[in-house]
C-alpha atoms as a PDB file:
ATOM      1  CA  MET A   1     114.879 104.529  78.608  1.00  0.00           C
ATOM      2  CA  SER A   2     114.288 102.935  81.448  1.00  0.00           C
ATOM      3  CA  PRO A   3     116.547 101.636  84.053  1.00  0.00           C
ATOM      4  CA  LYS A   4     118.344  98.274  83.906  1.00  0.00           C
ATOM      5  CA  SER A   5     117.083  95.935  86.458  1.00  0.00           C
ATOM      6  CA  ASN A   6     119.002  94.069  88.690  1.00  0.00           C
ATOM      7  CA  ALA A   7     119.303  91.186  87.056  1.00  0.00           C
ATOM      8  CA  SER A   8     120.084  92.543  83.497  1.00  0.00           C
ATOM      9  CA  ARG A   9     123.405  94.213  85.195  1.00  0.00           C
ATOM     10  CA  CYS A  10     124.830  91.002  86.457  1.00  0.00           C
ATOM     11  CA  ARG A  11     124.589  89.313  83.623  1.00  0.00           C
ATOM     12  CA  ALA A  12     126.070  92.381  81.612  1.00  0.00           C
ATOM     13  CA  THR A  13     128.809  91.857  84.454  1.00  0.00           C
ATOM     14  CA  ALA A  14     128.649  88.400  83.848  1.00  0.00           C
ATOM     15  CA  ALA A  15     129.217  89.007  80.017  1.00  0.00           C
ATOM     16  CA  GLY A  16     132.221  91.034  80.646  1.00  0.00           C
ATOM     17  CA  TYR A  17     134.419  88.154  82.950  1.00  0.00           C
ATOM     18  CA  ALA A  18     133.682  86.114  80.104  1.00  0.00           C
ATOM     19  CA  ARG A  19     135.242  88.738  77.763  1.00  0.00           C
ATOM     20  CA  ALA A  20     138.285  89.075  80.084  1.00  0.00           C
ATOM     21  CA  ALA A  21     138.503  85.411  80.372  1.00  0.00           C
ATOM     22  CA  ALA A  22     138.838  84.993  76.743  1.00  0.00           C
ATOM     23  CA  LEU A  23     141.469  87.248  76.390  1.00  0.00           C
ATOM     24  CA  ALA A  24     143.485  86.398  79.960  1.00  0.00           C
ATOM     25  CA  ASP A  25     147.135  85.479  78.543  1.00  0.00           C
ATOM     26  CA  ASP A  26     147.576  82.656  81.281  1.00  0.00           C
ATOM     27  CA  CYS A  27     145.171  80.270  82.697  1.00  0.00           C
ATOM     28  CA  ASP A  28     144.586  81.262  85.742  1.00  0.00           C
ATOM     29  CA  THR A  29     143.150  84.321  84.855  1.00  0.00           C
ATOM     30  CA  ARG A  30     141.100  82.825  82.404  1.00  0.00           C
ATOM     31  CA  ARG A  31     139.764  80.540  85.524  1.00  0.00           C
ATOM     32  CA  ALA A  32     139.751  83.641  87.905  1.00  0.00           C
ATOM     33  CA  TYR A  33     137.646  85.360  85.511  1.00  0.00           C
ATOM     34  CA  GLY A  34     135.920  82.382  84.711  1.00  0.00           C
ATOM     35  CA  GLU A  35     134.975  81.749  88.067  1.00  0.00           C
ATOM     36  CA  LEU A  36     133.510  85.248  88.414  1.00  0.00           C
ATOM     37  CA  GLU A  37     131.452  85.133  85.169  1.00  0.00           C
ATOM     38  CA  ARG A  38     129.141  82.003  87.042  1.00  0.00           C
ATOM     39  CA  LEU A  39     128.779  83.590  90.184  1.00  0.00           C
ATOM     40  CA  TRP A  40     127.986  86.376  88.532  1.00  0.00           C
ATOM     41  CA  SER A  41     126.155  84.396  86.480  1.00  0.00           C
ATOM     42  CA  GLU A  42     123.818  83.372  89.768  1.00  0.00           C
ATOM     43  CA  MET A  43     123.770  86.249  90.842  1.00  0.00           C
ATOM     44  CA  ALA A  44     121.530  87.313  88.248  1.00  0.00           C
ATOM     45  CA  ALA A  45     119.089  84.159  88.977  1.00  0.00           C
ATOM     46  CA  LEU A  46     118.779  85.399  92.529  1.00  0.00           C
ATOM     47  CA  ALA A  47     118.148  89.096  91.100  1.00  0.00           C
ATOM     48  CA  GLU A  48     115.530  87.893  89.345  1.00  0.00           C
ATOM     49  CA  ARG A  49     113.564  86.471  91.853  1.00  0.00           C
ATOM     50  CA  PHE A  50     114.661  89.966  94.242  1.00  0.00           C
ATOM     51  CA  ASP A  51     113.551  92.490  91.657  1.00  0.00           C
ATOM     52  CA  ARG A  52     109.801  90.743  91.174  1.00  0.00           C
ATOM     53  CA  ALA A  53     109.816  90.022  94.703  1.00  0.00           C
ATOM     54  CA  LEU A  54     112.041  91.440  97.128  1.00  0.00           C
ATOM     55  CA  ASP A  55     112.573  88.055  97.939  1.00  0.00           C
ATOM     56  CA  GLY A  56     114.863  88.606 100.946  1.00  0.00           C
ATOM     57  CA  ALA A  57     116.039  84.684 101.414  1.00  0.00           C
ATOM     58  CA  ALA A  58     117.789  85.859  97.681  1.00  0.00           C
ATOM     59  CA  LYS A  59     119.332  88.995  98.775  1.00  0.00           C
ATOM     60  CA  ALA A  60     120.972  87.244 101.876  1.00  0.00           C
ATOM     61  CA  GLN A  61     122.251  84.594  98.902  1.00  0.00           C
ATOM     62  CA  ILE A  62     123.311  87.696  96.610  1.00  0.00           C
ATOM     63  CA  TYR A  63     125.302  88.773  99.805  1.00  0.00           C
ATOM     64  CA  ALA A  64     126.897  85.868 100.117  1.00  0.00           C
ATOM     65  CA  LYS A  65     127.971  85.701  96.550  1.00  0.00           C
ATOM     66  CA  MET A  66     129.278  89.027  96.122  1.00  0.00           C
ATOM     67  CA  ALA A  67     131.642  88.202  99.249  1.00  0.00           C
ATOM     68  CA  GLU A  68     132.983  84.885  97.176  1.00  0.00           C
ATOM     69  CA  VAL A  69     133.009  87.071  94.116  1.00  0.00           C
ATOM     70  CA  GLU A  70     135.462  89.588  96.318  1.00  0.00           C
ATOM     71  CA  ALA A  71     137.843  87.046  97.334  1.00  0.00           C
ATOM     72  CA  VAL A  72     137.945  85.946  93.802  1.00  0.00           C
ATOM     73  CA  ARG A  73     138.511  89.327  92.339  1.00  0.00           C
ATOM     74  CA  ARG A  74     141.379  89.667  95.056  1.00  0.00           C
ATOM     75  CA  ALA A  75     143.350  86.690  93.833  1.00  0.00           C
ATOM     76  CA  VAL A  76     143.212  88.466  90.285  1.00  0.00           C
ATOM     77  CA  VAL A  77     144.474  92.072  91.276  1.00  0.00           C
END
């Protein structure tokens, strides 16, 4: 079995947050999970660029998105 690409891991994480949003009881939590889904989906596109060409700009954008993800995650926890 081949290892998953960075992009496929990002897409899988986004899908997990989409499922969590669908199951959330309150609108603030649902909104936060939706935001996490959006951020991970955006990272998937950047990760594809990085996976293909080791694109340094994409890598920097991924790190910036990760900072956004952490801020949203802290608000949910």
